[in-house]
All heavy atoms as atom14 arrays in JSON, in Angstrom:
{
  "sequence": "KGRFTISRDNAKNTVYLQMNSLKPEDTALYYCAAKWGGGASAVARIRL",
  "atom14_mask": [
    [1, 1, 1, 1, 1, 1, 1, 1, 1, 0, 0, 0, 0, 0],
    [1, 1, 1, 1, 0, 0, 0, 0, 0, 0, 0, 0, 0, 0],
    [1, 1, 1, 1, 1, 1, 1, 1, 1, 1, 1, 0, 0, 0],
    [1, 1, 1, 1, 1, 1, 1, 1, 1, 1, 1, 0, 0, 0],
    [1, 1, 1, 1, 1, 1, 1, 0, 0, 0, 0, 0, 0, 0],
    [1, 1, 1, 1, 1, 1, 1, 1, 0, 0, 0, 0, 0, 0],
    [1, 1, 1, 1, 1, 1, 0, 0, 0, 0, 0, 0, 0, 0],
    [1, 1, 1, 1, 1, 1, 1, 1, 1, 1, 1, 0, 0, 0],
    [1, 1, 1, 1, 1, 1, 1, 1, 0, 0, 0, 0, 0, 0],
    [1, 1, 1, 1, 1, 1, 1, 1, 0, 0, 0, 0, 0, 0],
    [1, 1, 1, 1, 1, 0, 0, 0, 0, 0, 0, 0, 0, 0],
    [1, 1, 1, 1, 1, 1, 1, 1, 1, 0, 0, 0, 0, 0],
    [1, 1, 1, 1, 1, 1, 1, 1, 0, 0, 0, 0, 0, 0],
    [1, 1, 1, 1, 1, 1, 1, 0, 0, 0, 0, 0, 0, 0],
    [1, 1, 1, 1, 1, 1, 1, 0, 0, 0, 0, 0, 0, 0],
    [1, 1, 1, 1, 1, 1, 1, 1, 1, 1, 1, 1, 0, 0],
    [1, 1, 1, 1, 1, 1, 1, 1, 0, 0, 0, 0, 0, 0],
    [1, 1, 1, 1, 1, 1, 1, 1, 1, 0, 0, 0, 0, 0],
    [1, 1, 1, 1, 1, 1, 1, 1, 0, 0, 0, 0, 0, 0],
    [1, 1, 1, 1, 1, 1, 1, 1, 0, 0, 0, 0, 0, 0],
    [1, 1, 1, 1, 1, 1, 0, 0, 0, 0, 0, 0, 0, 0],
    [1, 1, 1, 1, 1, 1, 1, 1, 0, 0, 0, 0, 0, 0],
    [1, 1, 1, 1, 1, 1, 1, 1, 1, 0, 0, 0, 0, 0],
    [1, 1, 1, 1, 1, 1, 1, 0, 0, 0, 0, 0, 0, 0],
    [1, 1, 1, 1, 1, 1, 1, 1, 1, 0, 0, 0, 0, 0],
    [1, 1, 1, 1, 1, 1, 1, 1, 0, 0, 0, 0, 0, 0],
    [1, 1, 1, 1, 1, 1, 1, 0, 0, 0, 0, 0, 0, 0],
    [1, 1, 1, 1, 1, 0, 0, 0, 0, 0, 0, 0, 0, 0],
    [1, 1, 1, 1, 1, 1, 1, 1, 0, 0, 0, 0, 0, 0],
    [1, 1, 1, 1, 1, 1, 1, 1, 1, 1, 1, 1, 0, 0],
    [1, 1, 1, 1, 1, 1, 1, 1, 1, 1, 1, 1, 0, 0],
    [1, 1, 1, 1, 1, 1, 0, 0, 0, 0, 0, 0, 0, 0],
    [1, 1, 1, 1, 1, 0, 0, 0, 0, 0, 0, 0, 0, 0],
    [1, 1, 1, 1, 1, 0, 0, 0, 0, 0, 0, 0, 0, 0],
    [1, 1, 1, 1, 1, 1, 1, 1, 1, 0, 0, 0, 0, 0],
    [1, 1, 1, 1, 1, 1, 1, 1, 1, 1, 1, 1, 1, 1],
    [1, 1, 1, 1, 0, 0, 0, 0, 0, 0, 0, 0, 0, 0],
    [1, 1, 1, 1, 0, 0, 0, 0, 0, 0, 0, 0, 0, 0],
    [1, 1, 1, 1, 0, 0, 0, 0, 0, 0, 0, 0, 0, 0],
    [1, 1, 1, 1, 1, 0, 0, 0, 0, 0, 0, 0, 0, 0],
    [1, 1, 1, 1, 1, 1, 0, 0, 0, 0, 0, 0, 0, 0],
    [1, 1, 1, 1, 1, 0, 0, 0, 0, 0, 0, 0, 0, 0],
    [1, 1, 1, 1, 1, 1, 1, 0, 0, 0, 0, 0, 0, 0],
    [1, 1, 1, 1, 1, 0, 0, 0, 0, 0, 0, 0, 0, 0],
    [1, 1, 1, 1, 1, 1, 1, 1, 1, 1, 1, 0, 0, 0],
    [1, 1, 1, 1, 1, 1, 1, 1, 0, 0, 0, 0, 0, 0],
    [1, 1, 1, 1, 1, 1, 1, 1, 1, 1, 1, 0, 0, 0],
    [1, 1, 1, 1, 1, 1, 1, 1, 0, 0, 0, 0, 0, 0]
  ],
  "atom14_positions": [
    [[216.85, -16.85, 49.31], [216.1, -16.16, 48.27], [217.01, -15.23, 47.5], [217.79, -14.47, 48.08], [214.94, -15.39, 48.9], [213.81, -15.05, 47.97], [212.63, -14.48, 48.73], [211.98, -15.49, 49.62], [210.77, -14.97, 50.3], [0.0, 0.0, 0.0], [0.0, 0.0, 0.0], [0.0, 0.0, 0.0], [0.0, 0.0, 0.0], [0.0, 0.0, 0.0]],
    [[216.94, -15.3, 46.18], [217.78, -14.48, 45.33], [219.11, -15.12, 44.99], [219.81, -14.66, 44.09], [0.0, 0.0, 0.0], [0.0, 0.0, 0.0], [0.0, 0.0, 0.0], [0.0, 0.0, 0.0], [0.0, 0.0, 0.0], [0.0, 0.0, 0.0], [0.0, 0.0, 0.0], [0.0, 0.0, 0.0], [0.0, 0.0, 0.0], [0.0, 0.0, 0.0]],
    [[219.49, -16.16, 45.71], [220.75, -16.86, 45.43], [220.53, -18.27, 44.9], [221.31, -18.76, 44.09], [221.6, -16.94, 46.7], [221.97, -15.6, 47.29], [222.98, -15.76, 48.43], [222.44, -16.53, 49.55], [222.99, -17.65, 50.02], [224.1, -18.13, 49.47], [222.44, -18.28, 51.06], [0.0, 0.0, 0.0], [0.0, 0.0, 0.0], [0.0, 0.0, 0.0]],
    [[219.49, -18.93, 45.38], [219.19, -20.31, 44.98], [217.96, -20.35, 44.1], [217.03, -19.57, 44.28], [218.92, -21.17, 46.21], [220.1, -21.45, 47.1], [221.31, -20.79, 46.94], [220.01, -22.4, 48.1], [222.4, -21.04, 47.76], [221.08, -22.68, 48.94], [222.27, -21.99, 48.77], [0.0, 0.0, 0.0], [0.0, 0.0, 0.0], [0.0, 0.0, 0.0]],
    [[217.96, -21.29, 43.15], [216.82, -21.46, 42.26], [216.49, -22.94, 42.13], [217.38, -23.75, 41.85], [217.11, -20.89, 40.87], [217.47, -19.52, 40.98], [215.89, -21.03, 39.96], [0.0, 0.0, 0.0], [0.0, 0.0, 0.0], [0.0, 0.0, 0.0], [0.0, 0.0, 0.0], [0.0, 0.0, 0.0], [0.0, 0.0, 0.0], [0.0, 0.0, 0.0]],
    [[215.23, -23.27, 42.34], [214.76, -24.64, 42.15], [214.1, -24.76, 40.78], [213.35, -23.87, 40.36], [213.73, -25.02, 43.23], [214.37, -25.07, 44.59], [213.09, -26.36, 42.93], [213.41, -25.39, 45.7], [0.0, 0.0, 0.0], [0.0, 0.0, 0.0], [0.0, 0.0, 0.0], [0.0, 0.0, 0.0], [0.0, 0.0, 0.0], [0.0, 0.0, 0.0]],
    [[214.38, -25.86, 40.12], [213.72, -26.15, 38.85], [213.52, -27.66, 38.75], [214.05, -28.41, 39.56], [214.54, -25.63, 37.67], [215.81, -26.27, 37.63], [0.0, 0.0, 0.0], [0.0, 0.0, 0.0], [0.0, 0.0, 0.0], [0.0, 0.0, 0.0], [0.0, 0.0, 0.0], [0.0, 0.0, 0.0], [0.0, 0.0, 0.0], [0.0, 0.0, 0.0]],
    [[212.73, -28.07, 37.78], [212.53, -29.49, 37.59], [212.35, -29.8, 36.11], [211.87, -28.97, 35.34], [211.32, -29.99, 38.38], [210.0, -29.41, 37.99], [208.91, -29.78, 39.02], [208.61, -31.2, 39.04], [207.94, -31.81, 40.03], [207.56, -31.11, 41.09], [207.68, -33.1, 39.97], [0.0, 0.0, 0.0], [0.0, 0.0, 0.0], [0.0, 0.0, 0.0]],
    [[212.76, -31.01, 35.75], [212.58, -31.52, 34.4], [211.75, -32.8, 34.53], [212.29, -33.86, 34.9], [213.94, -31.8, 33.76], [213.84, -32.23, 32.31], [212.76, -32.73, 31.9], [214.83, -32.09, 31.58], [0.0, 0.0, 0.0], [0.0, 0.0, 0.0], [0.0, 0.0, 0.0], [0.0, 0.0, 0.0], [0.0, 0.0, 0.0], [0.0, 0.0, 0.0]],
    [[210.46, -32.69, 34.27], [209.58, -33.83, 34.48], [209.86, -34.97, 33.49], [209.59, -36.13, 33.8], [208.12, -33.39, 34.38], [207.71, -32.55, 35.57], [208.29, -32.64, 36.65], [206.71, -31.71, 35.37], [0.0, 0.0, 0.0], [0.0, 0.0, 0.0], [0.0, 0.0, 0.0], [0.0, 0.0, 0.0], [0.0, 0.0, 0.0], [0.0, 0.0, 0.0]],
    [[210.41, -34.65, 32.36], [210.76, -35.7, 31.4], [211.91, -36.56, 31.92], [212.04, -37.73, 31.55], [211.12, -35.1, 30.06], [0.0, 0.0, 0.0], [0.0, 0.0, 0.0], [0.0, 0.0, 0.0], [0.0, 0.0, 0.0], [0.0, 0.0, 0.0], [0.0, 0.0, 0.0], [0.0, 0.0, 0.0], [0.0, 0.0, 0.0], [0.0, 0.0, 0.0]],
    [[212.75, -35.97, 32.77], [213.9, -36.69, 33.33], [213.67, -37.1, 34.78], [214.59, -37.64, 35.41], [215.15, -35.82, 33.24], [215.59, -35.51, 31.82], [216.87, -34.68, 31.81], [217.33, -34.41, 30.38], [218.56, -33.6, 30.34], [0.0, 0.0, 0.0], [0.0, 0.0, 0.0], [0.0, 0.0, 0.0], [0.0, 0.0, 0.0], [0.0, 0.0, 0.0]],
    [[212.49, -36.82, 35.32], [212.19, -37.15, 36.72], [213.25, -36.58, 37.66], [213.7, -37.26, 38.6], [212.09, -38.67, 36.91], [210.81, -39.24, 36.35], [210.01, -38.53, 35.75], [210.61, -40.54, 36.5], [0.0, 0.0, 0.0], [0.0, 0.0, 0.0], [0.0, 0.0, 0.0], [0.0, 0.0, 0.0], [0.0, 0.0, 0.0], [0.0, 0.0, 0.0]],
    [[213.64, -35.36, 37.43], [214.74, -34.76, 38.18], [214.37, -33.35, 38.63], [213.77, -32.59, 37.86], [216.02, -34.74, 37.34], [216.36, -36.08, 36.97], [217.18, -34.15, 38.13], [0.0, 0.0, 0.0], [0.0, 0.0, 0.0], [0.0, 0.0, 0.0], [0.0, 0.0, 0.0], [0.0, 0.0, 0.0], [0.0, 0.0, 0.0], [0.0, 0.0, 0.0]],
    [[214.77, -33.03, 39.85], [214.64, -31.68, 40.36], [216.04, -31.16, 40.66], [216.93, -31.93, 41.04], [213.74, -31.63, 41.62], [214.31, -32.44, 42.75], [213.47, -30.21, 42.05], [0.0, 0.0, 0.0], [0.0, 0.0, 0.0], [0.0, 0.0, 0.0], [0.0, 0.0, 0.0], [0.0, 0.0, 0.0], [0.0, 0.0, 0.0], [0.0, 0.0, 0.0]],
    [[216.23, -29.87, 40.45], [217.54, -29.25, 40.59], [217.51, -28.14, 41.63], [216.47, -27.51, 41.87], [217.99, -28.66, 39.25], [218.01, -29.65, 38.12], [216.95, -29.74, 37.21], [219.08, -30.52, 37.95], [216.96, -30.64, 36.17], [219.1, -31.44, 36.91], [218.03, -31.5, 36.03], [218.05, -32.4, 35.01], [0.0, 0.0, 0.0], [0.0, 0.0, 0.0]],
    [[218.67, -27.89, 42.21], [218.86, -26.73, 43.07], [220.12, -26.03, 42.61], [221.23, -26.52, 42.84], [218.97, -27.14, 44.54], [219.11, -25.98, 45.52], [217.84, -25.14, 45.55], [219.44, -26.49, 46.93], [0.0, 0.0, 0.0], [0.0, 0.0, 0.0], [0.0, 0.0, 0.0], [0.0, 0.0, 0.0], [0.0, 0.0, 0.0], [0.0, 0.0, 0.0]],
    [[219.94, -24.92, 41.92], [221.07, -24.09, 41.5], [221.42, -23.14, 42.63], [220.57, -22.35, 43.06], [220.72, -23.32, 40.24], [221.83, -22.4, 39.74], [223.05, -23.14, 39.27], [222.95, -24.15, 38.56], [224.23, -22.68, 39.67], [0.0, 0.0, 0.0], [0.0, 0.0, 0.0], [0.0, 0.0, 0.0], [0.0, 0.0, 0.0], [0.0, 0.0, 0.0]],
    [[222.66, -23.22, 43.1], [223.09, -22.42, 44.24], [224.2, -21.49, 43.78], [225.27, -21.95, 43.36], [223.58, -23.33, 45.36], [222.56, -24.38, 45.79], [223.09, -25.35, 47.22], [224.49, -26.21, 46.52], [0.0, 0.0, 0.0], [0.0, 0.0, 0.0], [0.0, 0.0, 0.0], [0.0, 0.0, 0.0], [0.0, 0.0, 0.0], [0.0, 0.0, 0.0]],
    [[223.95, -20.21, 43.86], [224.93, -19.18, 43.48], [225.31, -18.35, 44.68], [224.62, -18.35, 45.7], [224.33, -18.28, 42.4], [223.99, -19.04, 41.13], [224.64, -20.03, 40.78], [222.97, -18.59, 40.41], [0.0, 0.0, 0.0], [0.0, 0.0, 0.0], [0.0, 0.0, 0.0], [0.0, 0.0, 0.0], [0.0, 0.0, 0.0], [0.0, 0.0, 0.0]],
    [[226.41, -17.64, 44.55], [226.88, -16.75, 45.64], [226.91, -17.49, 46.97], [226.42, -17.0, 47.99], [225.97, -15.52, 45.74], [225.94, -14.81, 44.52], [0.0, 0.0, 0.0], [0.0, 0.0, 0.0], [0.0, 0.0, 0.0], [0.0, 0.0, 0.0], [0.0, 0.0, 0.0], [0.0, 0.0, 0.0], [0.0, 0.0, 0.0], [0.0, 0.0, 0.0]],
    [[227.5, -18.66, 46.95], [227.52, -19.49, 48.15], [228.32, -18.86, 49.27], [229.33, -18.18, 49.03], [228.06, -20.88, 47.81], [227.05, -21.79, 47.1], [227.75, -22.94, 46.39], [226.02, -22.31, 48.08], [0.0, 0.0, 0.0], [0.0, 0.0, 0.0], [0.0, 0.0, 0.0], [0.0, 0.0, 0.0], [0.0, 0.0, 0.0], [0.0, 0.0, 0.0]],
    [[227.85, -19.13, 50.49], [228.48, -18.6, 51.69], [228.87, -19.77, 52.6], [228.27, -20.85, 52.51], [227.47, -17.73, 52.45], [226.87, -16.6, 51.64], [225.81, -15.87, 52.44], [225.16, -14.76, 51.63], [224.1, -14.05, 52.41], [0.0, 0.0, 0.0], [0.0, 0.0, 0.0], [0.0, 0.0, 0.0], [0.0, 0.0, 0.0], [0.0, 0.0, 0.0]],
    [[229.85, -19.57, 53.46], [230.22, -20.65, 54.39], [229.04, -21.17, 55.2], [228.97, -22.37, 55.5], [231.27, -19.99, 55.28], [231.9, -18.96, 54.39], [230.77, -18.43, 53.56], [0.0, 0.0, 0.0], [0.0, 0.0, 0.0], [0.0, 0.0, 0.0], [0.0, 0.0, 0.0], [0.0, 0.0, 0.0], [0.0, 0.0, 0.0], [0.0, 0.0, 0.0]],
    [[228.1, -20.33, 55.51], [226.93, -20.77, 56.28], [225.97, -21.63, 55.47], [225.0, -22.17, 56.02], [226.19, -19.58, 56.89], [225.83, -18.48, 55.91], [226.85, -17.35, 55.92], [228.08, -17.63, 55.95], [226.4, -16.18, 55.87], [0.0, 0.0, 0.0], [0.0, 0.0, 0.0], [0.0, 0.0, 0.0], [0.0, 0.0, 0.0], [0.0, 0.0, 0.0]],
    [[226.21, -21.78, 54.2], [225.42, -22.72, 53.38], [225.94, -24.15, 53.51], [225.32, -25.08, 52.97], [225.45, -22.31, 51.91], [224.76, -20.99, 51.64], [223.68, -20.75, 52.21], [225.31, -20.2, 50.84], [0.0, 0.0, 0.0], [0.0, 0.0, 0.0], [0.0, 0.0, 0.0], [0.0, 0.0, 0.0], [0.0, 0.0, 0.0], [0.0, 0.0, 0.0]],
    [[227.06, -24.33, 54.19], [227.61, -25.66, 54.37], [226.63, -26.55, 55.13], [226.17, -26.18, 56.23], [228.94, -25.59, 55.13], [229.9, -24.91, 54.32], [229.46, -26.98, 55.47], [0.0, 0.0, 0.0], [0.0, 0.0, 0.0], [0.0, 0.0, 0.0], [0.0, 0.0, 0.0], [0.0, 0.0, 0.0], [0.0, 0.0, 0.0], [0.0, 0.0, 0.0]],
    [[226.29, -27.69, 54.54], [225.3, -28.58, 55.15], [225.15, -29.83, 54.29], [225.66, -29.9, 53.17], [223.94, -27.89, 55.26], [0.0, 0.0, 0.0], [0.0, 0.0, 0.0], [0.0, 0.0, 0.0], [0.0, 0.0, 0.0], [0.0, 0.0, 0.0], [0.0, 0.0, 0.0], [0.0, 0.0, 0.0], [0.0, 0.0, 0.0], [0.0, 0.0, 0.0]],
    [[224.44, -30.79, 54.84], [223.98, -31.94, 54.07], [222.63, -31.55, 53.47], [221.71, -31.17, 54.19], [223.85, -33.16, 54.97], [223.56, -34.5, 54.3], [224.69, -34.88, 53.35], [223.35, -35.59, 55.34], [0.0, 0.0, 0.0], [0.0, 0.0, 0.0], [0.0, 0.0, 0.0], [0.0, 0.0, 0.0], [0.0, 0.0, 0.0], [0.0, 0.0, 0.0]],
    [[222.52, -31.63, 52.16], [221.33, -31.2, 51.45], [220.51, -32.42, 51.04], [221.02, -33.36, 50.43], [221.69, -30.39, 50.21], [222.1, -28.97, 50.54], [223.31, -28.7, 51.16], [221.25, -27.9, 50.24], [223.66, -27.4, 51.49], [221.6, -26.6, 50.55], [222.81, -26.36, 51.17], [223.16, -25.07, 51.49], [0.0, 0.0, 0.0], [0.0, 0.0, 0.0]],
    [[219.21, -32.36, 51.37], [218.29, -33.45, 51.09], [217.2, -32.98, 50.13], [216.74, -31.85, 50.23], [217.57, -33.92, 52.34], [218.42, -34.41, 53.46], [218.92, -33.54, 54.42], [218.71, -35.77, 53.58], [219.69, -34.0, 55.47], [219.47, -36.24, 54.63], [219.96, -35.35, 55.57], [220.71, -35.81, 56.6], [0.0, 0.0, 0.0], [0.0, 0.0, 0.0]],
    [[216.77, -33.86, 49.25], [215.54, -33.55, 48.54], [214.4, -34.37, 49.12], [214.62, -35.39, 49.79], [215.67, -33.75, 47.04], [215.68, -35.44, 46.46], [0.0, 0.0, 0.0], [0.0, 0.0, 0.0], [0.0, 0.0, 0.0], [0.0, 0.0, 0.0], [0.0, 0.0, 0.0], [0.0, 0.0, 0.0], [0.0, 0.0, 0.0], [0.0, 0.0, 0.0]],
    [[213.19, -33.91, 48.89], [212.01, -34.53, 49.47], [210.84, -34.39, 48.51], [210.83, -33.51, 47.65], [211.67, -33.89, 50.81], [0.0, 0.0, 0.0], [0.0, 0.0, 0.0], [0.0, 0.0, 0.0], [0.0, 0.0, 0.0], [0.0, 0.0, 0.0], [0.0, 0.0, 0.0], [0.0, 0.0, 0.0], [0.0, 0.0, 0.0], [0.0, 0.0, 0.0]],
    [[209.87, -35.27, 48.68], [208.69, -35.28, 47.82], [207.42, -35.25, 48.65], [207.35, -35.88, 49.71], [208.7, -36.52, 46.93], [0.0, 0.0, 0.0], [0.0, 0.0, 0.0], [0.0, 0.0, 0.0], [0.0, 0.0, 0.0], [0.0, 0.0, 0.0], [0.0, 0.0, 0.0], [0.0, 0.0, 0.0], [0.0, 0.0, 0.0], [0.0, 0.0, 0.0]],
    [[206.42, -34.52, 48.14], [205.12, -34.44, 48.8], [204.03, -34.7, 47.77], [203.96, -34.02, 46.74], [204.92, -33.07, 49.43], [203.56, -32.89, 50.09], [203.36, -33.85, 51.24], [201.99, -33.75, 51.85], [201.77, -34.79, 52.9], [0.0, 0.0, 0.0], [0.0, 0.0, 0.0], [0.0, 0.0, 0.0], [0.0, 0.0, 0.0], [0.0, 0.0, 0.0]],
    [[203.17, -35.69, 48.06], [202.07, -36.03, 47.17], [201.12, -34.84, 47.01], [200.84, -34.12, 47.95], [201.29, -37.22, 47.75], [200.07, -37.56, 46.96], [198.79, -37.1, 47.17], [200.0, -38.4, 45.81], [197.95, -37.63, 46.23], [198.65, -38.43, 45.38], [200.95, -39.15, 45.11], [198.25, -39.17, 44.27], [200.53, -39.89, 44.02], [199.2, -39.89, 43.61]],
    [[200.64, -34.71, 45.81], [199.66, -33.67, 45.52], [200.13, -32.75, 44.41], [199.38, -32.44, 43.51], [0.0, 0.0, 0.0], [0.0, 0.0, 0.0], [0.0, 0.0, 0.0], [0.0, 0.0, 0.0], [0.0, 0.0, 0.0], [0.0, 0.0, 0.0], [0.0, 0.0, 0.0], [0.0, 0.0, 0.0], [0.0, 0.0, 0.0], [0.0, 0.0, 0.0]],
    [[201.39, -32.33, 44.55], [202.01, -31.64, 43.44], [201.74, -30.16, 43.3], [202.55, -29.46, 42.67], [0.0, 0.0, 0.0], [0.0, 0.0, 0.0], [0.0, 0.0, 0.0], [0.0, 0.0, 0.0], [0.0, 0.0, 0.0], [0.0, 0.0, 0.0], [0.0, 0.0, 0.0], [0.0, 0.0, 0.0], [0.0, 0.0, 0.0], [0.0, 0.0, 0.0]],
    [[200.62, -29.65, 43.82], [200.26, -28.26, 43.58], [200.74, -27.32, 44.66], [201.62, -27.65, 45.46], [0.0, 0.0, 0.0], [0.0, 0.0, 0.0], [0.0, 0.0, 0.0], [0.0, 0.0, 0.0], [0.0, 0.0, 0.0], [0.0, 0.0, 0.0], [0.0, 0.0, 0.0], [0.0, 0.0, 0.0], [0.0, 0.0, 0.0], [0.0, 0.0, 0.0]],
    [[200.15, -26.13, 44.67], [200.59, -25.09, 45.6], [200.39, -25.51, 47.06], [201.21, -25.18, 47.92], [199.83, -23.8, 45.31], [0.0, 0.0, 0.0], [0.0, 0.0, 0.0], [0.0, 0.0, 0.0], [0.0, 0.0, 0.0], [0.0, 0.0, 0.0], [0.0, 0.0, 0.0], [0.0, 0.0, 0.0], [0.0, 0.0, 0.0], [0.0, 0.0, 0.0]],
    [[199.33, -26.24, 47.33], [199.11, -26.67, 48.71], [200.19, -27.66, 49.15], [200.62, -27.65, 50.31], [197.72, -27.28, 48.87], [197.58, -28.42, 48.04], [0.0, 0.0, 0.0], [0.0, 0.0, 0.0], [0.0, 0.0, 0.0], [0.0, 0.0, 0.0], [0.0, 0.0, 0.0], [0.0, 0.0, 0.0], [0.0, 0.0, 0.0], [0.0, 0.0, 0.0]],
    [[200.62, -28.49, 48.23], [201.71, -29.44, 48.56], [203.02, -28.69, 48.79], [203.8, -29.05, 49.67], [201.88, -30.46, 47.43], [0.0, 0.0, 0.0], [0.0, 0.0, 0.0], [0.0, 0.0, 0.0], [0.0, 0.0, 0.0], [0.0, 0.0, 0.0], [0.0, 0.0, 0.0], [0.0, 0.0, 0.0], [0.0, 0.0, 0.0], [0.0, 0.0, 0.0]],
    [[203.26, -27.64, 48.03], [204.44, -26.8, 48.25], [204.41, -26.22, 49.66], [205.41, -26.2, 50.38], [204.52, -25.7, 47.18], [205.58, -24.68, 47.53], [204.81, -26.3, 45.81], [0.0, 0.0, 0.0], [0.0, 0.0, 0.0], [0.0, 0.0, 0.0], [0.0, 0.0, 0.0], [0.0, 0.0, 0.0], [0.0, 0.0, 0.0], [0.0, 0.0, 0.0]],
    [[203.24, -25.75, 50.06], [203.1, -25.18, 51.42], [203.36, -26.24, 52.48], [203.94, -25.94, 53.53], [201.72, -24.58, 51.57], [0.0, 0.0, 0.0], [0.0, 0.0, 0.0], [0.0, 0.0, 0.0], [0.0, 0.0, 0.0], [0.0, 0.0, 0.0], [0.0, 0.0, 0.0], [0.0, 0.0, 0.0], [0.0, 0.0, 0.0], [0.0, 0.0, 0.0]],
    [[202.92, -27.45, 52.24], [203.13, -28.53, 53.21], [204.62, -28.87, 53.32], [205.1, -29.24, 54.4], [202.35, -29.78, 52.8], [200.84, -29.63, 52.71], [200.22, -29.07, 53.97], [200.45, -29.91, 55.12], [200.06, -29.58, 56.35], [199.45, -28.43, 56.55], [200.29, -30.4, 57.35], [0.0, 0.0, 0.0], [0.0, 0.0, 0.0], [0.0, 0.0, 0.0]],
    [[205.34, -28.77, 52.23], [206.78, -29.06, 52.27], [207.46, -28.09, 53.23], [208.31, -28.49, 54.04], [207.38, -28.98, 50.86], [206.94, -30.19, 50.03], [208.9, -28.91, 50.92], [207.39, -30.16, 48.59], [0.0, 0.0, 0.0], [0.0, 0.0, 0.0], [0.0, 0.0, 0.0], [0.0, 0.0, 0.0], [0.0, 0.0, 0.0], [0.0, 0.0, 0.0]],
    [[207.12, -26.82, 53.18], [207.74, -25.85, 54.08], [207.52, -26.24, 55.54], [208.34, -25.96, 56.4], [207.17, -24.46, 53.81], [207.69, -23.39, 54.77], [207.08, -22.03, 54.49], [207.81, -21.29, 53.49], [208.84, -20.5, 53.76], [209.29, -20.39, 54.98], [209.42, -19.81, 52.79], [0.0, 0.0, 0.0], [0.0, 0.0, 0.0], [0.0, 0.0, 0.0]],
    [[206.4, -26.9, 55.81], [206.07, -27.33, 57.17], [206.65, -28.7, 57.5], [206.31, -29.28, 58.52], [204.55, -27.36, 57.34], [203.84, -26.02, 57.14], [202.34, -26.2, 57.23], [204.33, -24.98, 58.13], [0.0, 0.0, 0.0], [0.0, 0.0, 0.0], [0.0, 0.0, 0.0], [0.0, 0.0, 0.0], [0.0, 0.0, 0.0], [0.0, 0.0, 0.0]]
  ]
}
């Protein structure tokens, strides 16, 4: 929080993850994922 920002461009069918102030502990394999529904409840389900 405060370093990374998620955004999306629905016209391009693309989601982005802007990562700033990177730290060695951010080293990882990064995956994107999709959850049907699209709204706030779907966002909550993604966290789970």
